[in-house]
Amino acid sequence: MSKLVKHKTADTPPSRRLPNRNVMVFFDKLAATIDEPVTELEYSSNFELLIAVILSAQATDISVNIATRKLFAVANTPEAIYALGEDGLKEYIKTIGLFNSKAKNVIKTCKDLIDKHNSQVPDNRKDLEALAGVGRKTANVVLNTAFGHPTMAVDTHIFRVSNRTGLATGRTVLAVEKKLLERVPEKYILDAHHYLILHGRYTCQARTPKCGECPVYEECMFKDKQKFAEL
């Protein structure tokens, strides 16, 4: 998962706005087809989640899980990973993109957690974003998934889905995040991030969206949905 970007996507210009009357129906249908709205990153503690999300920047969840299964088996606390050092950590994460900079950030984060937070993951945005390798989106993931805060972590999938469907149109990630927080029904606010990312990952894909299989086809405002449904 990457940090905030401030550019528009080339393949997904904003669509017409999804009417308010269809927003609840939109999420009802997603909920009916996505049984488990959870992250696909593997973790067993808030600390493991934080490290996995940091490592997932510009990498797939699958590649991160492969690396962290081995890493967390031998080191899954700030003290244990810090003891590995950068070089030791790199041996476990070298199959992940940008592993050199990620190793440096993870070691710095572990040191700060030990020195400043009693080895606990902070439950507030200010302290999370002060950690190395943690931007707004990573903080949003941790706040939502670990602590149940109603935040919206907008990655490339969610940015695309939100614009393409008309759910939350915007030229920047922050604009889309704010609109999602305004429009997502309270009933779904805690799980909306996962519903949208999974929908984007497996159905509303970037190059060839599977419109013919889409549960929200009728509500979606994507102007080319019929063309893709006929492929």
Protein backbone atom coordinates (compact mmCIF):
# COMPACT_ATOMS: atom_id res chain seq x y z
CA MET A 1 0.00 0.00 0.00
CA SER A 2 1.44 3.34 -0.97
CA LYS A 3 1.20 6.72 0.68
CA LEU A 4 -1.07 9.51 -0.49
CA VAL A 5 -0.80 10.51 -4.11
CA LYS A 6 -2.04 13.81 -5.46
CA HIS A 7 -2.54 12.98 -9.09
CA LYS A 8 -5.56 11.85 -11.04
CA THR A 9 -5.69 8.38 -12.50
CA ALA A 10 -5.33 8.14 -16.24
CA ASP A 11 -7.75 5.25 -16.66
CA THR A 12 -10.51 6.40 -14.32
CA PRO A 13 -11.75 9.97 -14.77
CA PRO A 14 -14.49 10.86 -12.30
CA SER A 15 -17.95 9.63 -13.30
CA ARG A 16 -21.27 11.26 -12.60
CA ARG A 17 -22.17 11.29 -8.92
CA LEU A 18 -23.97 8.24 -7.59
CA PRO A 19 -27.39 9.46 -6.36
CA ASN A 20 -27.85 9.54 -2.59
CA ARG A 21 -30.80 7.16 -2.81
CA ASN A 22 -28.54 4.46 -4.24
CA VAL A 23 -25.67 4.60 -1.76
CA MET A 24 -27.22 2.30 0.83
CA VAL A 25 -28.29 -0.13 -1.89
CA PHE A 26 -24.73 -0.02 -3.27
CA PHE A 27 -23.26 -1.18 0.05
CA ASP A 28 -26.08 -3.63 0.76
CA LYS A 29 -25.24 -5.39 -2.48
CA LEU A 30 -21.51 -5.41 -1.81
CA ALA A 31 -22.16 -6.81 1.66
CA ALA A 32 -24.34 -9.55 0.18
CA THR A 33 -21.51 -10.75 -2.07
CA ILE A 34 -18.41 -10.16 0.09
CA ASP A 35 -18.65 -12.48 3.08
CA GLU A 36 -15.55 -11.30 4.95
CA PRO A 37 -14.73 -7.59 4.62
CA VAL A 38 -11.26 -7.91 6.15
CA THR A 39 -7.70 -7.19 5.12
CA GLU A 40 -5.88 -9.92 3.23
CA LEU A 41 -2.68 -9.14 5.10
CA GLU A 42 -1.88 -11.82 7.67
CA TYR A 43 -1.29 -10.65 11.24
CA SER A 44 -1.99 -11.67 14.83
CA SER A 45 -1.31 -8.42 16.70
CA ASN A 46 -1.54 -4.68 16.17
CA PHE A 47 2.23 -4.56 15.81
CA GLU A 48 2.25 -7.25 13.12
CA LEU A 49 -0.50 -5.37 11.29
CA LEU A 50 1.49 -2.12 11.40
CA ILE A 51 4.63 -3.79 10.03
CA ALA A 52 2.68 -5.63 7.32
CA VAL A 53 1.01 -2.42 6.15
CA ILE A 54 4.35 -0.58 6.04
CA LEU A 55 5.81 -3.43 3.97
CA SER A 56 2.81 -3.46 1.62
CA ALA A 57 3.62 -0.07 0.06
CA GLN A 58 3.89 -0.68 -3.71
CA ALA A 59 3.72 -4.43 -3.11
CA THR A 60 1.00 -7.06 -3.19
CA ASP A 61 -0.53 -8.47 -0.03
CA ILE A 62 0.47 -11.94 -1.26
CA SER A 63 4.15 -11.02 -1.45
CA VAL A 64 4.02 -9.40 1.98
CA ASN A 65 2.35 -12.44 3.54
CA ILE A 66 5.00 -14.76 2.12
CA ALA A 67 7.73 -12.66 3.73
CA THR A 68 6.02 -11.99 7.06
CA ARG A 69 5.17 -15.64 7.68
CA LYS A 70 8.90 -16.27 8.02
CA LEU A 71 9.68 -12.96 9.71
CA PHE A 72 6.96 -13.09 12.36
CA ALA A 73 7.83 -16.69 13.19
CA VAL A 74 11.17 -15.47 14.57
CA ALA A 75 10.50 -11.80 15.36
CA ASN A 76 7.08 -10.30 15.97
CA THR A 77 7.73 -7.63 18.60
CA PRO A 78 9.47 -4.24 18.30
CA GLU A 79 12.36 -5.54 20.40
CA ALA A 80 12.82 -8.71 18.35
CA ILE A 81 12.76 -6.98 14.96
CA TYR A 82 14.99 -4.16 16.21
CA ALA A 83 17.47 -6.80 17.38
CA LEU A 84 17.66 -8.15 13.82
CA GLY A 85 19.00 -4.83 12.58
CA GLU A 86 18.55 -3.56 9.04
CA ASP A 87 20.71 -6.26 7.45
CA GLY A 88 19.04 -9.04 9.37
CA LEU A 89 15.58 -7.74 8.51
CA LYS A 90 16.46 -7.45 4.83
CA GLU A 91 17.04 -11.19 4.66
CA TYR A 92 13.38 -11.73 5.43
CA ILE A 93 11.87 -8.99 3.26
CA LYS A 94 14.25 -8.90 0.26
CA THR A 95 11.57 -10.38 -2.00
CA ILE A 96 9.38 -7.30 -1.44
CA GLY A 97 9.78 -4.17 -3.52
CA LEU A 98 11.72 -1.26 -1.97
CA PHE A 99 12.99 -3.60 0.76
CA ASN A 100 16.07 -1.48 1.52
CA SER A 101 14.12 1.65 2.45
CA LYS A 102 11.42 -0.41 4.13
CA ALA A 103 13.99 -2.16 6.33
CA LYS A 104 15.35 1.22 7.42
CA ASN A 105 11.86 2.53 8.19
CA VAL A 106 10.77 -0.58 10.09
CA ILE A 107 13.87 -0.51 12.29
CA LYS A 108 13.32 3.19 13.03
CA THR A 109 9.67 2.53 13.80
CA CYS A 110 10.55 -0.32 16.17
CA LYS A 111 13.03 1.92 18.00
CA ASP A 112 10.42 4.67 18.38
CA LEU A 113 7.79 2.22 19.59
CA ILE A 114 10.21 0.95 22.23
CA ASP A 115 11.45 4.38 23.32
CA LYS A 116 8.29 6.45 23.04
CA HIS A 117 5.28 4.13 23.24
CA ASN A 118 6.18 1.33 25.63
CA SER A 119 6.39 -1.02 22.60
CA GLN A 120 2.68 -0.48 21.86
CA VAL A 121 1.17 0.69 18.58
CA PRO A 122 -0.36 4.18 19.08
CA ASP A 123 -4.11 4.50 18.62
CA ASN A 124 -4.05 8.07 17.31
CA ARG A 125 -3.15 9.61 13.96
CA LYS A 126 -0.53 12.07 15.21
CA ASP A 127 1.68 9.44 16.82
CA LEU A 128 1.18 6.93 14.02
CA GLU A 129 2.14 9.38 11.29
CA ALA A 130 5.26 10.33 13.26
CA LEU A 131 6.56 6.78 12.77
CA ALA A 132 8.96 6.09 9.89
CA GLY A 133 7.23 4.72 6.82
CA VAL A 134 3.76 5.63 8.06
CA GLY A 135 1.71 8.09 6.03
CA ARG A 136 -1.94 9.03 6.20
CA LYS A 137 -3.18 5.92 4.41
CA THR A 138 -1.16 3.51 6.53
CA ALA A 139 -2.36 5.30 9.66
CA ASN A 140 -5.94 5.02 8.43
CA VAL A 141 -5.57 1.27 7.90
CA VAL A 142 -4.20 0.74 11.40
CA LEU A 143 -6.74 3.03 13.06
CA ASN A 144 -9.61 1.29 11.29
CA THR A 145 -8.49 -2.34 11.38
CA ALA A 146 -6.73 -2.43 14.74
CA PHE A 147 -8.73 0.11 16.74
CA GLY A 148 -12.12 0.32 15.02
CA HIS A 149 -11.92 4.00 14.09
CA PRO A 150 -14.22 5.15 11.27
CA THR A 151 -11.38 6.05 8.92
CA MET A 152 -11.07 5.50 5.18
CA ALA A 153 -7.73 4.34 3.78
CA VAL A 154 -7.85 5.23 0.09
CA ASP A 155 -5.46 3.16 -1.99
CA THR A 156 -5.36 2.86 -5.78
CA HIS A 157 -8.23 0.34 -5.80
CA ILE A 158 -10.53 2.49 -3.67
CA PHE A 159 -9.60 5.64 -5.57
CA ARG A 160 -10.53 3.91 -8.82
CA VAL A 161 -13.76 2.31 -7.57
CA SER A 162 -14.95 5.51 -5.91
CA ASN A 163 -14.42 7.59 -9.05
CA ARG A 164 -15.58 5.01 -11.55
CA THR A 165 -18.84 4.19 -9.78
CA GLY A 166 -19.55 7.80 -8.82
CA LEU A 167 -19.65 6.91 -5.14
CA ALA A 168 -17.04 9.53 -4.23
CA THR A 169 -15.51 11.47 -7.08
CA GLY A 170 -12.36 13.50 -6.67
CA ARG A 171 -9.04 14.32 -8.30
CA THR A 172 -6.98 13.59 -5.20
CA VAL A 173 -6.87 10.79 -2.67
CA LEU A 174 -7.70 13.18 0.15
CA ALA A 175 -10.73 14.54 -1.71
CA VAL A 176 -12.04 11.00 -2.25
CA GLU A 177 -11.37 10.09 1.39
CA LYS A 178 -13.38 13.07 2.64
CA LYS A 179 -16.30 12.35 0.32
CA LEU A 180 -16.38 8.70 1.33
CA LEU A 181 -16.56 9.68 4.99
CA GLU A 182 -19.49 11.94 4.13
CA ARG A 183 -21.37 9.44 1.98
CA VAL A 184 -20.81 5.96 3.41
CA PRO A 185 -23.77 4.95 5.61
CA GLU A 186 -22.98 4.63 9.32
CA LYS A 187 -23.95 0.97 9.14
CA TYR A 188 -21.01 0.29 6.82
CA ILE A 189 -18.43 2.89 7.81
CA LEU A 190 -16.14 0.47 9.68
CA ASP A 191 -16.07 -2.09 6.87
CA ALA A 192 -16.39 0.18 3.84
CA HIS A 193 -12.64 0.29 3.24
CA HIS A 194 -12.50 -3.49 2.94
CA TYR A 195 -15.64 -3.78 0.83
CA LEU A 196 -14.30 -1.27 -1.67
CA ILE A 197 -10.75 -2.59 -1.85
CA LEU A 198 -11.91 -6.18 -2.35
CA HIS A 199 -14.43 -5.08 -4.97
CA GLY A 200 -11.68 -3.19 -6.77
CA ARG A 201 -9.17 -6.00 -6.50
CA TYR A 202 -11.39 -8.76 -7.84
CA THR A 203 -14.27 -7.21 -9.80
CA CYS A 204 -13.85 -3.51 -10.60
CA GLN A 205 -10.33 -4.02 -11.89
CA ALA A 206 -8.27 -1.29 -13.50
CA ARG A 207 -7.88 -2.34 -17.13
CA THR A 208 -10.73 -4.78 -17.62
CA PRO A 209 -13.46 -4.38 -15.03
CA LYS A 210 -15.76 -7.39 -14.75
CA CYS A 211 -18.93 -5.40 -15.24
CA GLY A 212 -20.84 -8.48 -16.32
CA GLU A 213 -20.26 -9.99 -12.86
CA CYS A 214 -20.64 -6.79 -10.85
CA PRO A 215 -23.16 -6.86 -7.99
CA VAL A 216 -23.60 -3.07 -8.18
CA TYR A 217 -23.93 -2.85 -11.95
CA GLU A 218 -27.35 -1.19 -11.80
CA GLU A 219 -26.20 1.51 -9.36
CA CYS A 220 -22.78 2.15 -10.92
CA MET A 221 -22.38 5.38 -12.89
CA PHE A 222 -19.46 4.15 -15.06
CA LYS A 223 -20.25 5.26 -18.61
CA ASP A 224 -18.56 2.26 -20.23
CA LYS A 225 -20.08 -0.44 -18.03
CA GLN A 226 -22.25 -1.90 -20.77
CA LYS A 227 -19.24 -2.25 -23.09
CA PHE A 228 -17.27 -4.16 -20.46
CA ALA A 229 -20.30 -6.23 -19.49
CA GLU A 230 -20.46 -7.51 -23.06
CA LEU A 231 -16.83 -8.66 -23.19
